[in-house]
């Protein structure tokens, strides 16, 4: 249990995979990483468009995901360790230019390099420069999980109705419970204090945030950030280890993103305790002219200053770990101009895990609700062969939304109107893994994923059974 609760401490304070270096030794690079493979048997609901076209889903598929980490460090004469970390994707990311559901407008290609950053640490704390997750994300403690690659924190895979996962705004926080999960891997600076009396604080700052895969955050609102999104991962504010020539302003993105996280770890006899809390804020900086991607005068949807917080608690006792967390995220959206209702997601989760010998088994629940002031779009048609869905919120919709609210708007009345009512998401997960040897585990379990709401775009359900292997090196 102590190893489970203190695992992220080593990560944050300075654990790196490299051979020890004497003073004045040059940096020597070590290689580490992980690779996970699953066979997935599932029953995933179909999405039916209003014109009768639909998406059917296959009952068996394979998943794989991994990274190769190149990490090195040296220890200076003053006792400070300095190093570098570069993480190479061990699989082919999805290199497409647009979201397959046609609700996110533009999605730049994923990078080959995941994170790349410099770090330094010592008795004074730790500092990081480069493409790295925020402190309020990495300091998370809450629901435990034995299903490797899933759970409430280290999510690397997803299973479910693709359109519902992209369109339902509540879904995002039934996949990740930690704060700033949508701000990952931007160029940033992070500073951590040393741990004192069990308490550690981390603070992060990045000049700009842009959302290349906005469908998972903004749902079927058709909102997008950035000037056009076609700058991809060469542009400032996108996730990824990039070398940019400047960081522009007034371009409909979030600026000056700040986050603070803290956790407290203690052991009272046989009981281990972990407490987590975090807050993050980024200012939305509009451009000089109206941009339909960030503020829609027909529907009233708009982007705004981004605010989020999360808090968690975890206890361990003789092989049993229980925990949970709660949070709030406005997902970078303001209250709708016309309905006055916000579009924030409130979420909670709880889990229990038992560990004995080489075995870990767990049960997890995650739930979220989005108030949906912007309304939900409706799927009008699904293209044969590609399964690209066109919604009434899309600019190329067969019957697009139009008119002036209060006069002749089709967004709030008529057969093509937006649909209102909360969007909700729930995930139930059973997981287990068995250690065959150092760094080698058999892993598997079951997932029930359910998204619901007022439209066909945000509703979906999946049962899945998983069996696979995870290796760490």
Protein backbone atom coordinates (compact mmCIF):
# COMPACT_ATOMS: atom_id res chain seq x y z
CA UNK A 1 0.00 0.00 0.00
CA UNK A 2 2.80 2.41 0.87
CA UNK A 3 4.32 1.82 -2.56
CA UNK A 4 0.98 2.61 -4.23
CA UNK A 5 0.41 5.82 -2.28
CA UNK A 6 3.95 7.11 -2.69
CA UNK A 7 4.41 6.23 -6.36
CA UNK A 8 3.68 9.71 -7.68
CA UNK A 9 5.95 11.20 -5.01
CA UNK A 10 8.98 9.66 -6.65
CA UNK A 11 7.75 10.90 -10.01
CA UNK A 12 7.30 14.47 -8.83
CA UNK A 13 10.26 14.84 -6.48
CA UNK A 14 12.84 13.41 -8.80
CA UNK A 15 12.68 9.74 -9.68
CA UNK A 16 14.31 9.17 -13.08
CA UNK A 17 15.51 6.06 -14.87
CA UNK A 18 19.25 6.39 -15.35
CA UNK A 19 22.45 5.03 -13.87
CA UNK A 20 23.72 7.04 -10.86
CA UNK A 21 26.22 9.72 -11.88
CA UNK A 22 29.14 11.00 -9.81
CA UNK A 23 29.84 14.72 -9.53
CA UNK A 24 31.17 16.17 -12.78
CA UNK A 25 30.13 13.09 -14.77
CA UNK A 26 28.45 13.88 -18.12
CA UNK A 27 24.78 13.02 -18.65
CA UNK A 28 24.25 9.38 -19.57
CA UNK A 29 20.99 8.34 -21.22
CA UNK A 30 18.99 5.40 -19.94
CA UNK A 31 16.04 3.76 -21.71
CA UNK A 32 12.71 2.91 -20.12
CA UNK A 33 9.03 2.91 -20.96
CA UNK A 34 5.99 0.69 -21.22
CA UNK A 35 3.79 -1.16 -23.71
CA UNK A 36 0.19 -2.34 -23.24
CA UNK A 37 -1.89 -4.62 -25.47
CA UNK A 38 -5.56 -5.61 -25.06
CA UNK A 39 -8.01 -7.86 -26.85
CA UNK A 40 -11.45 -6.29 -26.39
CA UNK A 41 -14.79 -8.07 -26.76
CA UNK A 42 -17.59 -5.52 -26.63
CA UNK A 43 -21.19 -4.66 -27.41
CA UNK A 44 -21.31 -0.98 -28.42
CA UNK A 45 -24.56 0.75 -29.31
CA UNK A 46 -25.12 2.09 -32.81
CA UNK A 47 -25.79 5.75 -33.58
CA UNK A 48 -28.81 6.40 -35.83
CA UNK A 49 -29.07 9.67 -37.76
CA UNK A 50 -32.39 11.38 -38.41
CA UNK A 51 -32.24 10.34 -42.10
CA UNK A 52 -31.96 6.65 -41.15
CA UNK A 53 -28.23 6.14 -41.72
CA UNK A 54 -26.30 4.61 -38.84
CA UNK A 55 -22.97 3.40 -37.46
CA UNK A 56 -22.61 -0.26 -36.49
CA UNK A 57 -19.71 -1.40 -34.28
CA UNK A 58 -17.63 -4.57 -34.43
CA UNK A 59 -17.73 -6.85 -31.39
CA UNK A 60 -14.00 -7.65 -31.26
CA UNK A 61 -10.92 -5.46 -31.72
CA UNK A 62 -7.36 -5.03 -30.41
CA UNK A 63 -5.79 -2.07 -28.62
CA UNK A 64 -2.15 -1.14 -28.21
CA UNK A 65 -0.32 1.84 -26.72
CA UNK A 66 3.15 2.47 -25.40
CA UNK A 67 6.08 4.82 -25.03
CA UNK A 68 9.88 4.59 -25.03
CA UNK A 69 11.52 6.97 -22.56
CA UNK A 70 15.05 8.33 -22.96
CA UNK A 71 16.09 9.73 -19.59
CA UNK A 72 19.45 10.94 -18.35
CA UNK A 73 20.85 13.03 -15.53
CA UNK A 74 24.03 14.21 -13.88
CA UNK A 75 24.73 15.48 -10.38
CA UNK A 76 26.50 18.80 -10.05
CA UNK A 77 29.11 19.58 -7.41
CA UNK A 78 26.55 21.64 -5.47
CA UNK A 79 24.28 18.59 -5.06
CA UNK A 80 21.69 19.57 -7.67
CA UNK A 81 20.79 16.93 -10.25
CA UNK A 82 20.11 18.11 -13.82
CA UNK A 83 18.65 15.97 -16.58
CA UNK A 84 16.55 15.48 -19.68
CA UNK A 85 13.51 13.33 -20.47
CA UNK A 86 12.27 12.56 -24.01
CA UNK A 87 9.28 10.24 -24.53
CA UNK A 88 8.85 8.56 -27.91
CA UNK A 89 5.47 7.11 -28.88
CA UNK A 90 5.83 3.36 -29.37
CA UNK A 91 2.84 3.20 -31.72
CA UNK A 92 1.51 5.14 -34.71
CA UNK A 93 -0.74 7.99 -33.48
CA UNK A 94 -3.83 8.84 -35.49
CA UNK A 95 -2.49 11.28 -38.12
CA UNK A 96 -5.69 12.81 -39.43
CA UNK A 97 -6.54 16.42 -40.20
CA UNK A 98 -10.15 16.45 -39.05
CA UNK A 99 -12.24 14.81 -36.37
CA UNK A 100 -13.99 11.64 -37.62
CA UNK A 101 -17.23 12.88 -36.09
CA UNK A 102 -17.06 16.25 -37.84
CA UNK A 103 -17.89 18.08 -34.62
CA UNK A 104 -14.42 19.42 -33.79
CA UNK A 105 -13.67 21.15 -37.10
CA UNK A 106 -9.88 20.74 -37.12
CA UNK A 107 -7.69 18.26 -35.29
CA UNK A 108 -3.95 18.54 -36.00
CA UNK A 109 -1.97 15.34 -36.38
CA UNK A 110 -0.66 13.78 -33.19
CA UNK A 111 3.08 14.01 -32.54
CA UNK A 112 5.65 11.22 -32.52
CA UNK A 113 7.28 12.68 -29.41
CA UNK A 114 4.94 12.79 -26.42
CA UNK A 115 6.84 14.78 -23.78
CA UNK A 116 10.30 16.34 -23.85
CA UNK A 117 11.66 18.49 -21.04
CA UNK A 118 14.65 19.47 -18.91
CA UNK A 119 14.56 19.10 -15.14
CA UNK A 120 16.61 19.90 -12.07
CA UNK A 121 16.07 18.83 -8.47
CA UNK A 122 17.71 18.82 -5.09
CA UNK A 123 16.96 19.46 -1.45
CA UNK A 124 15.39 22.76 -2.56
CA UNK A 125 12.66 21.05 -4.67
CA UNK A 126 12.26 20.44 -8.39
CA UNK A 127 11.86 22.55 -11.54
CA UNK A 128 10.92 21.46 -15.10
CA UNK A 129 11.11 23.25 -18.46
CA UNK A 130 9.48 21.97 -21.65
CA UNK A 131 6.59 19.80 -22.81
CA UNK A 132 5.22 18.33 -19.60
CA UNK A 133 1.97 17.63 -17.74
CA UNK A 134 0.90 20.23 -15.18
CA UNK A 135 1.55 19.75 -11.44
CA UNK A 136 -2.17 19.73 -10.60
CA UNK A 137 -2.56 16.73 -12.93
CA UNK A 138 0.40 14.66 -11.74
CA UNK A 139 -0.14 15.21 -8.00
CA UNK A 140 -3.55 13.51 -8.11
CA UNK A 141 -4.69 11.02 -5.46
CA UNK A 142 -8.21 9.58 -5.54
CA UNK A 143 -9.80 6.44 -6.95
CA UNK A 144 -7.41 3.49 -7.42
CA UNK A 145 -7.61 1.04 -10.33
CA UNK A 146 -5.99 -2.29 -11.24
CA UNK A 147 -7.05 -2.12 -14.91
CA UNK A 148 -3.82 -0.84 -16.46
CA UNK A 149 -4.29 1.99 -18.95
CA UNK A 150 -7.80 2.82 -17.70
CA UNK A 151 -8.99 3.96 -14.28
CA UNK A 152 -9.48 7.56 -13.09
CA UNK A 153 -6.00 8.92 -13.73
CA UNK A 154 -3.57 7.26 -16.13
CA UNK A 155 -6.02 6.78 -19.00
CA UNK A 156 -4.34 5.66 -22.24
CA UNK A 157 -7.23 3.87 -24.00
CA UNK A 158 -10.95 4.37 -24.51
CA UNK A 159 -13.85 2.07 -25.38
CA UNK A 160 -17.31 3.25 -26.39
CA UNK A 161 -19.62 4.74 -28.98
CA UNK A 162 -17.23 7.10 -30.82
CA UNK A 163 -19.80 9.79 -31.53
CA UNK A 164 -21.13 9.82 -27.96
CA UNK A 165 -17.59 10.00 -26.56
CA UNK A 166 -16.85 13.00 -28.80
CA UNK A 167 -20.18 14.83 -28.44
CA UNK A 168 -21.18 14.27 -24.80
CA UNK A 169 -19.49 17.05 -22.78
CA UNK A 170 -19.76 15.11 -19.50
CA UNK A 171 -17.83 12.10 -20.84
CA UNK A 172 -14.37 13.66 -20.52
CA UNK A 173 -14.46 13.52 -16.72
CA UNK A 174 -15.52 9.89 -16.61
CA UNK A 175 -12.24 9.14 -18.33
CA UNK A 176 -9.89 11.41 -16.34
CA UNK A 177 -10.53 12.79 -12.84
CA UNK A 178 -7.30 14.75 -12.34
CA UNK A 179 -7.20 18.50 -12.90
CA UNK A 180 -5.83 20.08 -16.14
CA UNK A 181 -6.18 16.82 -18.07
CA UNK A 182 -7.00 18.86 -21.19
CA UNK A 183 -3.82 20.96 -20.80
CA UNK A 184 -1.33 18.14 -21.18
CA UNK A 185 2.12 18.43 -22.76
CA UNK A 186 2.14 22.13 -23.66
CA UNK A 187 5.46 23.96 -23.34
CA UNK A 188 5.54 25.09 -19.73
CA UNK A 189 7.49 25.61 -16.53
CA UNK A 190 6.68 23.63 -13.37
CA UNK A 191 8.06 24.22 -9.87
CA UNK A 192 7.67 21.86 -6.89
CA UNK A 193 8.55 22.45 -3.26
CA UNK A 194 10.36 19.77 -1.27
CA UNK A 195 8.03 17.58 0.74
CA UNK A 196 7.76 18.96 4.29
CA UNK A 197 5.88 17.15 7.04
CA UNK A 198 4.12 15.14 4.30
CA UNK A 199 3.02 18.22 2.31
CA UNK A 200 4.20 19.14 -1.18
CA UNK A 201 3.02 21.99 -3.45
CA UNK A 202 3.45 22.32 -7.20
CA UNK A 203 2.87 25.37 -9.40
CA UNK A 204 2.76 25.47 -13.21
CA UNK A 205 2.54 28.10 -15.94
CA UNK A 206 2.15 27.93 -19.72
CA UNK A 207 1.79 31.00 -21.98
CA UNK A 208 -0.98 29.55 -24.11
CA UNK A 209 -3.49 26.69 -24.36
CA UNK A 210 -5.13 25.51 -27.58
CA UNK A 211 -7.32 22.42 -27.93
CA UNK A 212 -6.49 20.39 -31.04
CA UNK A 213 -9.06 17.74 -30.16
CA UNK A 214 -11.82 20.02 -28.94
CA UNK A 215 -14.63 17.51 -29.58
CA UNK A 216 -13.92 15.68 -26.33
CA UNK A 217 -14.14 18.93 -24.34
CA UNK A 218 -16.56 21.19 -26.20
CA UNK A 219 -19.00 18.48 -27.31
CA UNK A 220 -21.31 19.11 -30.28
CA UNK A 221 -21.25 22.90 -29.88
CA UNK A 222 -19.08 23.31 -33.02
CA UNK A 223 -16.89 25.69 -30.99
CA UNK A 224 -13.18 25.75 -31.82
CA UNK A 225 -10.22 27.70 -30.47
CA UNK A 226 -7.32 29.24 -32.31
CA UNK A 227 -7.15 31.11 -35.61
CA UNK A 228 -7.90 28.04 -37.73
CA UNK A 229 -6.17 25.07 -36.11
CA UNK A 230 -4.14 24.33 -39.26
CA UNK A 231 -0.86 25.27 -37.60
CA UNK A 232 -1.02 21.88 -35.89
CA UNK A 233 1.67 20.96 -33.39
CA UNK A 234 4.05 23.57 -34.80
CA UNK A 235 1.82 26.24 -33.23
CA UNK A 236 2.12 27.73 -29.77
CA UNK A 237 -0.33 26.30 -27.25
CA UNK A 238 -0.91 22.89 -28.82
CA UNK A 239 0.03 19.77 -26.88
CA UNK A 240 3.39 18.32 -27.85
CA UNK A 241 7.12 18.94 -27.72
CA UNK A 242 7.47 21.67 -30.37
CA UNK A 243 9.97 24.37 -31.29
CA UNK A 244 8.06 27.54 -32.16
CA UNK A 245 9.17 30.89 -33.56
CA UNK A 246 6.66 32.98 -31.58
CA UNK A 247 3.57 32.78 -29.41
CA UNK A 248 0.80 34.91 -30.89
CA UNK A 249 -1.89 36.81 -29.03
CA UNK A 250 -5.49 37.83 -29.81
CA UNK A 251 -6.20 34.62 -31.71
CA UNK A 252 -9.16 33.09 -29.87
CA UNK A 253 -7.15 30.83 -27.56
CA UNK A 254 -6.54 30.65 -23.82
CA UNK A 255 -3.58 32.62 -22.49
CA UNK A 256 -1.45 32.56 -19.33
CA UNK A 257 -2.65 29.25 -17.93
CA UNK A 258 -1.77 28.90 -14.25
CA UNK A 259 -2.31 25.92 -11.99
CA UNK A 260 -1.48 24.96 -8.43
CA UNK A 261 -1.66 21.51 -6.88
CA UNK A 262 -0.85 20.04 -3.50
CA UNK A 263 -0.87 16.66 -1.83
CA UNK A 264 -0.28 15.43 1.69
CA UNK A 265 1.01 11.91 2.46
CA UNK A 266 1.22 10.26 5.85
CA UNK A 267 1.30 6.85 7.53
CA UNK A 268 -0.45 6.25 10.84
CA UNK A 269 0.40 2.76 11.99
CA UNK A 270 -0.96 0.42 9.32
CA UNK A 271 -3.04 3.18 7.70
CA UNK A 272 -1.71 5.31 4.84
CA UNK A 273 -3.38 8.61 3.99
CA UNK A 274 -3.17 10.76 0.84
CA UNK A 275 -4.99 14.06 0.32
CA UNK A 276 -5.05 16.01 -2.97
CA UNK A 277 -6.30 19.44 -4.04
CA UNK A 278 -5.79 21.66 -7.09
CA UNK A 279 -6.99 24.76 -8.96
CA UNK A 280 -6.34 26.03 -12.49
CA UNK A 281 -7.23 29.14 -14.50
CA UNK A 282 -6.59 30.42 -18.02
CA UNK A 283 -7.82 33.68 -19.56
CA UNK A 284 -9.60 33.51 -22.92
CA UNK A 285 -8.16 36.10 -25.28
CA UNK A 286 -10.37 36.91 -28.28
CA UNK A 287 -9.22 38.43 -31.54
CA UNK A 288 -10.06 41.73 -33.16
CA UNK A 289 -12.94 40.46 -35.30
CA UNK A 290 -15.88 38.17 -34.76
CA UNK A 291 -14.92 34.51 -34.98
CA UNK A 292 -17.79 32.04 -35.26
CA UNK A 293 -15.59 29.27 -33.89
CA UNK A 294 -15.37 30.92 -30.47
CA UNK A 295 -18.71 32.78 -30.22
CA UNK A 296 -21.84 31.80 -32.13
CA UNK A 297 -24.46 34.54 -32.36
CA UNK A 298 -27.09 32.08 -33.60
CA UNK A 299 -26.80 29.47 -30.85
CA UNK A 300 -25.34 31.64 -28.08
CA UNK A 301 -22.45 29.27 -27.38
CA UNK A 302 -19.09 30.88 -26.60
CA UNK A 303 -15.61 30.29 -25.25
CA UNK A 304 -14.55 32.07 -22.05
CA UNK A 305 -11.99 32.06 -19.24
CA UNK A 306 -11.19 28.49 -18.22
CA UNK A 307 -11.67 27.55 -14.56
CA UNK A 308 -11.38 24.15 -12.90
CA UNK A 309 -10.65 22.53 -9.56
CA UNK A 310 -10.38 18.99 -8.16
CA UNK A 311 -9.94 17.37 -4.76
CA UNK A 312 -9.31 13.77 -3.74
CA UNK A 313 -8.74 11.48 -0.78
CA UNK A 314 -7.20 8.00 -0.52
CA UNK A 315 -6.69 5.55 2.37
CA UNK A 316 -4.75 2.31 2.51
CA UNK A 317 -4.88 -0.48 5.10
CA UNK A 318 -3.21 -3.91 4.87
CA UNK A 319 -3.58 -4.38 1.16
CA UNK A 320 -6.86 -2.46 0.77
CA UNK A 321 -6.94 0.97 -0.86
CA UNK A 322 -10.10 3.09 -1.04
CA UNK A 323 -10.40 6.56 -2.49
CA UNK A 324 -12.34 9.04 -4.51
CA UNK A 325 -12.39 12.58 -5.82
CA UNK A 326 -14.72 15.38 -6.90
CA UNK A 327 -14.23 18.24 -9.33
CA UNK A 328 -15.56 21.12 -11.41
CA UNK A 329 -14.58 22.17 -14.93
CA UNK A 330 -16.26 24.83 -17.11
CA UNK A 331 -14.27 23.32 -20.01
CA UNK A 332 -13.36 26.75 -21.34
CA UNK A 333 -16.96 27.72 -22.14
CA UNK A 334 -19.03 30.64 -20.89
CA UNK A 335 -22.71 30.71 -20.03
CA UNK A 336 -24.89 30.70 -23.13
CA UNK A 337 -25.75 34.20 -24.37
CA UNK A 338 -29.47 33.41 -24.61
CA UNK A 339 -30.25 30.62 -22.15
CA UNK A 340 -28.01 32.06 -19.42
CA UNK A 341 -27.12 28.52 -18.34
CA UNK A 342 -23.50 27.47 -17.94
CA UNK A 343 -21.87 24.47 -19.65
CA UNK A 344 -19.78 23.28 -16.73
CA UNK A 345 -19.21 19.65 -15.76
CA UNK A 346 -19.45 18.52 -12.15
CA UNK A 347 -18.02 15.08 -11.47
CA UNK A 348 -17.26 12.53 -8.77
CA UNK A 349 -15.72 9.05 -8.56
CA UNK A 350 -14.93 6.35 -6.02
CA UNK A 351 -12.97 3.11 -6.09
CA UNK A 352 -11.55 0.27 -4.03
CA UNK A 353 -8.54 -1.96 -4.73
CA UNK A 354 -7.14 -5.03 -2.98
CA UNK A 355 -3.54 -6.15 -3.36
CA UNK A 356 -2.12 -9.47 -2.23
CA UNK A 357 1.12 -11.02 -3.47
CA UNK A 358 1.24 -10.66 -7.27
CA UNK A 359 -2.48 -9.83 -7.52
CA UNK A 360 -4.34 -6.53 -7.69
CA UNK A 361 -8.13 -6.35 -8.13
CA UNK A 362 -10.36 -3.25 -8.15
CA UNK A 363 -13.80 -1.74 -8.67
CA UNK A 364 -14.33 1.85 -9.85
CA UNK A 365 -17.26 4.17 -10.54
CA UNK A 366 -17.00 7.55 -12.27
CA UNK A 367 -19.94 9.88 -12.90
CA UNK A 368 -20.31 13.36 -14.43
CA UNK A 369 -23.08 15.76 -15.43
CA UNK A 370 -22.87 18.77 -17.75
CA UNK A 371 -25.55 21.47 -17.40
CA UNK A 372 -25.65 21.89 -21.20
CA UNK A 373 -26.61 25.54 -21.51
CA UNK A 374 -25.46 25.44 -25.14
CA UNK A 375 -27.76 22.58 -26.04
CA UNK A 376 -27.00 19.32 -27.84
CA UNK A 377 -26.66 18.94 -31.58
CA UNK A 378 -28.57 16.33 -33.59
CA UNK A 379 -26.98 13.88 -36.04
CA UNK A 380 -28.65 14.44 -39.41
CA UNK A 381 -26.67 11.99 -41.52
CA UNK A 382 -23.80 9.50 -41.34
CA UNK A 383 -21.69 8.99 -44.45
CA UNK A 384 -21.47 5.42 -45.73
CA UNK A 385 -17.99 3.95 -45.66
CA UNK A 386 -16.40 6.71 -43.58
CA UNK A 387 -18.98 6.97 -40.77
CA UNK A 388 -18.47 10.75 -40.71
CA UNK A 389 -21.42 12.27 -38.86
CA UNK A 390 -22.94 15.62 -39.82
CA UNK A 391 -24.79 17.48 -37.09
CA UNK A 392 -27.19 20.41 -37.31
CA UNK A 393 -24.47 22.44 -35.56
CA UNK A 394 -22.05 21.82 -38.45
CA UNK A 395 -21.50 24.51 -41.08
CA UNK A 396 -22.07 21.93 -43.82
CA UNK A 397 -25.30 20.58 -42.32
CA UNK A 398 -28.11 19.72 -44.70
CA UNK A 399 -30.35 22.05 -42.69
CA UNK A 400 -27.98 24.31 -40.75
CA UNK A 401 -29.05 26.43 -37.80
CA UNK A 402 -29.90 29.98 -38.80
CA UNK A 403 -31.82 33.14 -37.94
CA UNK A 404 -31.91 35.70 -35.15
CA UNK A 405 -32.80 34.57 -31.61
CA UNK A 406 -36.16 35.99 -30.59
CA UNK A 407 -37.09 36.72 -34.20
CA UNK A 408 -36.72 33.76 -36.57
CA UNK A 409 -34.02 31.55 -35.07
CA UNK A 410 -34.11 27.83 -35.83
CA UNK A 411 -31.64 27.13 -32.97
CA UNK A 412 -34.30 27.29 -30.25
CA UNK A 413 -37.51 26.28 -32.02
CA UNK A 414 -38.63 24.06 -34.86
CA UNK A 415 -37.76 20.56 -35.98
CA UNK A 416 -34.06 21.40 -36.37
CA UNK A 417 -33.59 23.12 -33.00
CA UNK A 418 -30.95 22.40 -30.40
CA UNK A 419 -32.03 20.01 -27.66
CA UNK A 420 -31.67 20.91 -23.99
CA UNK A 421 -31.38 18.97 -20.77
CA UNK A 422 -28.35 17.70 -18.89
CA UNK A 423 -25.74 15.55 -20.59
CA UNK A 424 -24.56 12.78 -18.26
CA UNK A 425 -21.93 10.05 -18.32
CA UNK A 426 -21.16 7.08 -16.06
CA UNK A 427 -18.44 4.45 -16.11
CA UNK A 428 -18.29 1.25 -14.06
CA UNK A 429 -15.02 -0.67 -14.17
CA UNK A 430 -13.75 -3.96 -12.75
CA UNK A 431 -10.02 -4.57 -13.12
CA UNK A 432 -7.36 -7.08 -12.20
CA UNK A 433 -3.71 -7.70 -12.93
CA UNK A 434 -1.23 -10.44 -12.06
CA UNK A 435 2.56 -9.94 -11.99
CA UNK A 436 4.30 -12.71 -13.93
CA UNK A 437 7.68 -11.20 -13.11
CA UNK A 438 9.43 -7.85 -12.76
CA UNK A 439 7.74 -5.42 -15.16
CA UNK A 440 5.45 -8.03 -16.75
CA UNK A 441 1.74 -8.26 -15.91
CA UNK A 442 -1.33 -10.00 -17.27
CA UNK A 443 -4.22 -7.53 -17.00
CA UNK A 444 -7.93 -7.56 -17.74
CA UNK A 445 -11.40 -6.66 -16.59
CA UNK A 446 -14.77 -5.31 -17.61
CA UNK A 447 -16.19 -1.86 -18.40
CA UNK A 448 -19.71 -0.50 -18.67
CA UNK A 449 -19.74 2.94 -20.30
CA UNK A 450 -22.98 4.91 -20.59
CA UNK A 451 -23.56 8.42 -21.97
CA UNK A 452 -27.03 9.95 -22.00
CA UNK A 453 -28.69 13.23 -22.92
CA UNK A 454 -31.34 14.85 -25.08
CA UNK A 455 -29.99 13.99 -28.57
CA UNK A 456 -28.78 11.06 -30.64
CA UNK A 457 -25.28 12.59 -30.76
CA UNK A 458 -24.66 12.43 -27.00
CA UNK A 459 -26.20 9.03 -26.22
CA UNK A 460 -24.31 5.75 -26.28
CA UNK A 461 -23.69 2.57 -24.30
CA UNK A 462 -20.94 -0.05 -24.23
CA UNK A 463 -20.23 -3.31 -22.41
CA UNK A 464 -16.67 -4.58 -22.81
CA UNK A 465 -14.43 -7.39 -21.58
CA UNK A 466 -10.64 -6.93 -21.81
CA UNK A 467 -7.65 -9.24 -21.59
CA UNK A 468 -4.09 -8.22 -22.28
CA UNK A 469 -0.51 -7.76 -21.16
CA UNK A 470 1.47 -4.80 -19.84
CA UNK A 471 5.27 -4.59 -19.81
CA UNK A 472 7.40 -1.92 -18.11
CA UNK A 473 11.09 -1.53 -18.88
